[in-house]
Amino acid sequence: MYRGEIFAYPVFLQKELQAATKGQFYCTDIVCKYWPYLEKLAVSMLELRPLLRMRPFLSVMHAKAHSTKCEIIWSGKHQEGAGTTAGEEVEMVNSYLSPCALTTKYMTKSARNDMLTVHAIGWNRRKQDSLHLALSTRYVKILPRSHEARSDLPKG
């Protein structure tokens, strides 16, 4: 870990997230360093033990930047129930919002907040409007693969 990677922030965020959503997975680009830390911390802090029920995984793109061993151990791509998520959703939002920096840097704080809020709402609207297409495309793509996988299972 480099200076600046403080684990107290992810612990706080994970605790708040799990309390609010009962999430099953925890995806972060530092999970290979963070999860062992959390396991050690939970030994002495009993209120953190429920956090260990979440299943940690490393996002697809960040896994490529880590060692092969790390990629194999922490990859979430084939975890049961993860839905083959890439884990890069935050990166996608950031890339969508980054062009706003050119114009919002000259705005007042309140105007910048309003502009970023409008863009974030636009991002969510765009995702919501195309969700049916994305899900149906995934379904059509995965259906033949599921039949192949089912035929490969042992009969019994």
Protein backbone atom coordinates (compact mmCIF):
# COMPACT_ATOMS: atom_id res chain seq x y z
CA MET A 1 0.00 0.00 0.00
CA TYR A 2 1.19 3.43 -0.81
CA ARG A 3 0.85 6.47 1.38
CA GLY A 4 -2.68 7.80 1.14
CA GLU A 5 -4.44 4.44 1.02
CA ILE A 6 -6.09 4.58 4.44
CA PHE A 7 -8.29 1.60 5.24
CA ALA A 8 -10.43 3.41 7.82
CA TYR A 9 -12.43 5.05 4.99
CA PRO A 10 -13.32 1.80 3.21
CA VAL A 11 -14.24 0.19 6.55
CA PHE A 12 -16.61 3.08 7.32
CA LEU A 13 -18.12 3.01 3.82
CA GLN A 14 -18.54 -0.76 3.84
CA LYS A 15 -20.21 -0.65 7.26
CA GLU A 16 -22.64 2.07 6.13
CA LEU A 17 -23.31 0.34 2.81
CA GLN A 18 -24.06 -3.01 4.40
CA ALA A 19 -26.34 -1.41 7.00
CA ALA A 20 -28.30 0.45 4.32
CA THR A 21 -28.47 -2.18 1.57
CA LYS A 22 -27.64 -5.61 3.04
CA GLY A 23 -25.16 -5.96 0.14
CA GLN A 24 -23.65 -9.37 -0.55
CA PHE A 25 -20.55 -8.30 -2.47
CA TYR A 26 -17.76 -5.83 -1.85
CA CYS A 27 -15.86 -4.70 -4.93
CA THR A 28 -12.84 -2.44 -4.69
CA ASP A 29 -9.52 -2.00 -6.44
CA ILE A 30 -7.59 -2.65 -3.22
CA VAL A 31 -9.50 -5.70 -1.95
CA CYS A 32 -6.36 -7.88 -1.96
CA LYS A 33 -4.81 -5.61 0.70
CA TYR A 34 -8.01 -4.45 2.39
CA TRP A 35 -9.70 -7.80 3.10
CA PRO A 36 -6.83 -9.31 5.13
CA TYR A 37 -6.74 -6.04 7.10
CA LEU A 38 -10.49 -6.28 7.76
CA GLU A 39 -10.15 -9.91 8.89
CA LYS A 40 -7.47 -8.92 11.43
CA LEU A 41 -9.52 -5.95 12.59
CA ALA A 42 -12.68 -8.03 13.04
CA VAL A 43 -10.88 -10.30 15.52
CA SER A 44 -10.67 -7.47 18.04
CA MET A 45 -13.71 -5.41 16.95
CA LEU A 46 -16.74 -7.68 17.13
CA GLU A 47 -19.08 -5.11 15.53
CA LEU A 48 -17.12 -5.49 12.28
CA ARG A 49 -17.62 -9.27 12.00
CA PRO A 50 -20.85 -8.97 9.96
CA LEU A 51 -18.81 -7.19 7.27
CA LEU A 52 -16.96 -10.45 6.65
CA ARG A 53 -20.21 -12.01 5.40
CA MET A 54 -19.88 -9.91 2.26
CA ARG A 55 -17.95 -11.56 -0.56
CA PRO A 56 -14.98 -9.47 -1.68
CA PHE A 57 -13.77 -9.21 -5.25
CA LEU A 58 -11.42 -7.25 -7.44
CA SER A 59 -12.81 -5.45 -10.47
CA VAL A 60 -11.89 -6.86 -13.88
CA MET A 61 -9.67 -4.01 -15.07
CA HIS A 62 -7.89 -3.58 -11.77
CA ALA A 63 -7.29 -7.33 -11.61
CA LYS A 64 -5.28 -7.06 -14.83
CA ALA A 65 -2.96 -4.58 -13.13
CA HIS A 66 -2.37 -6.87 -10.15
CA SER A 67 -0.31 -10.05 -10.05
CA THR A 68 -1.74 -13.23 -11.56
CA LYS A 69 -2.04 -14.80 -8.10
CA CYS A 70 -4.03 -11.78 -6.91
CA GLU A 71 -6.23 -11.90 -10.01
CA ILE A 72 -7.03 -15.58 -9.45
CA ILE A 73 -7.73 -15.29 -5.73
CA TRP A 74 -9.77 -12.09 -5.77
CA SER A 75 -11.47 -12.09 -9.16
CA GLY A 76 -15.24 -11.73 -8.91
CA LYS A 77 -15.93 -12.70 -12.48
CA HIS A 78 -17.04 -16.24 -11.65
CA GLN A 79 -18.45 -15.81 -8.15
CA GLU A 80 -21.88 -17.31 -7.67
CA GLY A 81 -24.51 -14.58 -7.77
CA ALA A 82 -22.22 -11.80 -9.00
CA GLY A 83 -23.79 -11.79 -12.46
CA THR A 84 -20.41 -11.53 -14.23
CA THR A 85 -20.14 -7.89 -13.25
CA ALA A 86 -17.06 -6.00 -14.34
CA GLY A 87 -16.89 -4.02 -11.11
CA GLU A 88 -15.97 -0.88 -13.05
CA GLU A 89 -19.26 0.99 -12.69
CA VAL A 90 -17.72 3.89 -10.75
CA GLU A 91 -14.99 4.26 -13.39
CA MET A 92 -17.68 4.49 -16.07
CA VAL A 93 -19.52 7.25 -14.23
CA ASN A 94 -16.25 9.13 -13.66
CA SER A 95 -15.39 8.97 -17.36
CA TYR A 96 -18.87 10.30 -18.18
CA LEU A 97 -18.54 13.18 -15.72
CA SER A 98 -14.89 14.08 -16.42
CA PRO A 99 -15.64 16.40 -19.40
CA CYS A 100 -17.64 18.54 -16.96
CA ALA A 101 -14.36 19.54 -15.30
CA LEU A 102 -13.51 21.83 -18.22
CA THR A 103 -16.51 24.05 -17.59
CA THR A 104 -17.32 23.52 -13.91
CA LYS A 105 -13.88 24.55 -12.65
CA TYR A 106 -14.83 28.18 -13.32
CA MET A 107 -18.21 27.96 -11.56
CA THR A 108 -19.13 28.76 -8.01
CA LYS A 109 -19.40 25.79 -5.66
CA SER A 110 -23.21 25.79 -5.71
CA ALA A 111 -23.38 26.07 -9.52
CA ARG A 112 -20.81 23.25 -9.85
CA ASN A 113 -22.89 21.07 -7.50
CA ASP A 114 -26.02 21.79 -9.54
CA MET A 115 -24.29 21.05 -12.86
CA LEU A 116 -22.79 17.77 -11.61
CA THR A 117 -26.16 16.78 -10.18
CA VAL A 118 -27.85 17.44 -13.53
CA HIS A 119 -25.20 15.33 -15.29
CA ALA A 120 -25.48 12.52 -12.73
CA ILE A 121 -29.27 12.49 -13.16
CA GLY A 122 -28.70 12.36 -16.92
CA TRP A 123 -26.38 9.37 -16.49
CA ASN A 124 -28.96 7.56 -14.39
CA ARG A 125 -31.75 8.38 -16.85
CA ARG A 126 -29.64 7.08 -19.75
CA LYS A 127 -28.93 3.84 -17.88
CA GLN A 128 -32.58 3.45 -16.91
CA ASP A 129 -33.79 4.06 -20.47
CA SER A 130 -31.41 1.46 -21.94
CA LEU A 131 -31.69 -1.13 -19.18
CA HIS A 132 -34.22 -3.27 -21.03
CA LEU A 133 -31.92 -3.44 -24.07
CA ALA A 134 -28.86 -4.30 -22.00
CA LEU A 135 -30.64 -7.03 -20.05
CA SER A 136 -32.28 -8.61 -23.10
CA THR A 137 -28.95 -8.59 -24.97
CA ARG A 138 -27.25 -10.31 -22.03
CA TYR A 139 -30.08 -12.84 -21.82
CA VAL A 140 -29.84 -13.72 -25.52
CA LYS A 141 -26.06 -13.99 -25.21
CA ILE A 142 -26.06 -16.19 -22.11
CA LEU A 143 -28.92 -18.54 -23.07
CA PRO A 144 -26.87 -20.73 -25.48
CA ARG A 145 -23.97 -20.75 -23.02
CA SER A 146 -26.23 -21.98 -20.22
CA HIS A 147 -27.51 -24.83 -22.42
CA GLU A 148 -23.92 -25.82 -23.21
CA ALA A 149 -22.94 -25.69 -19.54
CA ARG A 150 -26.03 -27.72 -18.56
CA SER A 151 -25.11 -30.43 -21.06
CA ASP A 152 -21.58 -30.57 -19.63
CA LEU A 153 -22.88 -31.28 -16.11
CA PRO A 154 -22.79 -34.91 -15.00
CA LYS A 155 -26.13 -36.70 -15.17
CA GLY A 156 -27.32 -37.99 -11.88
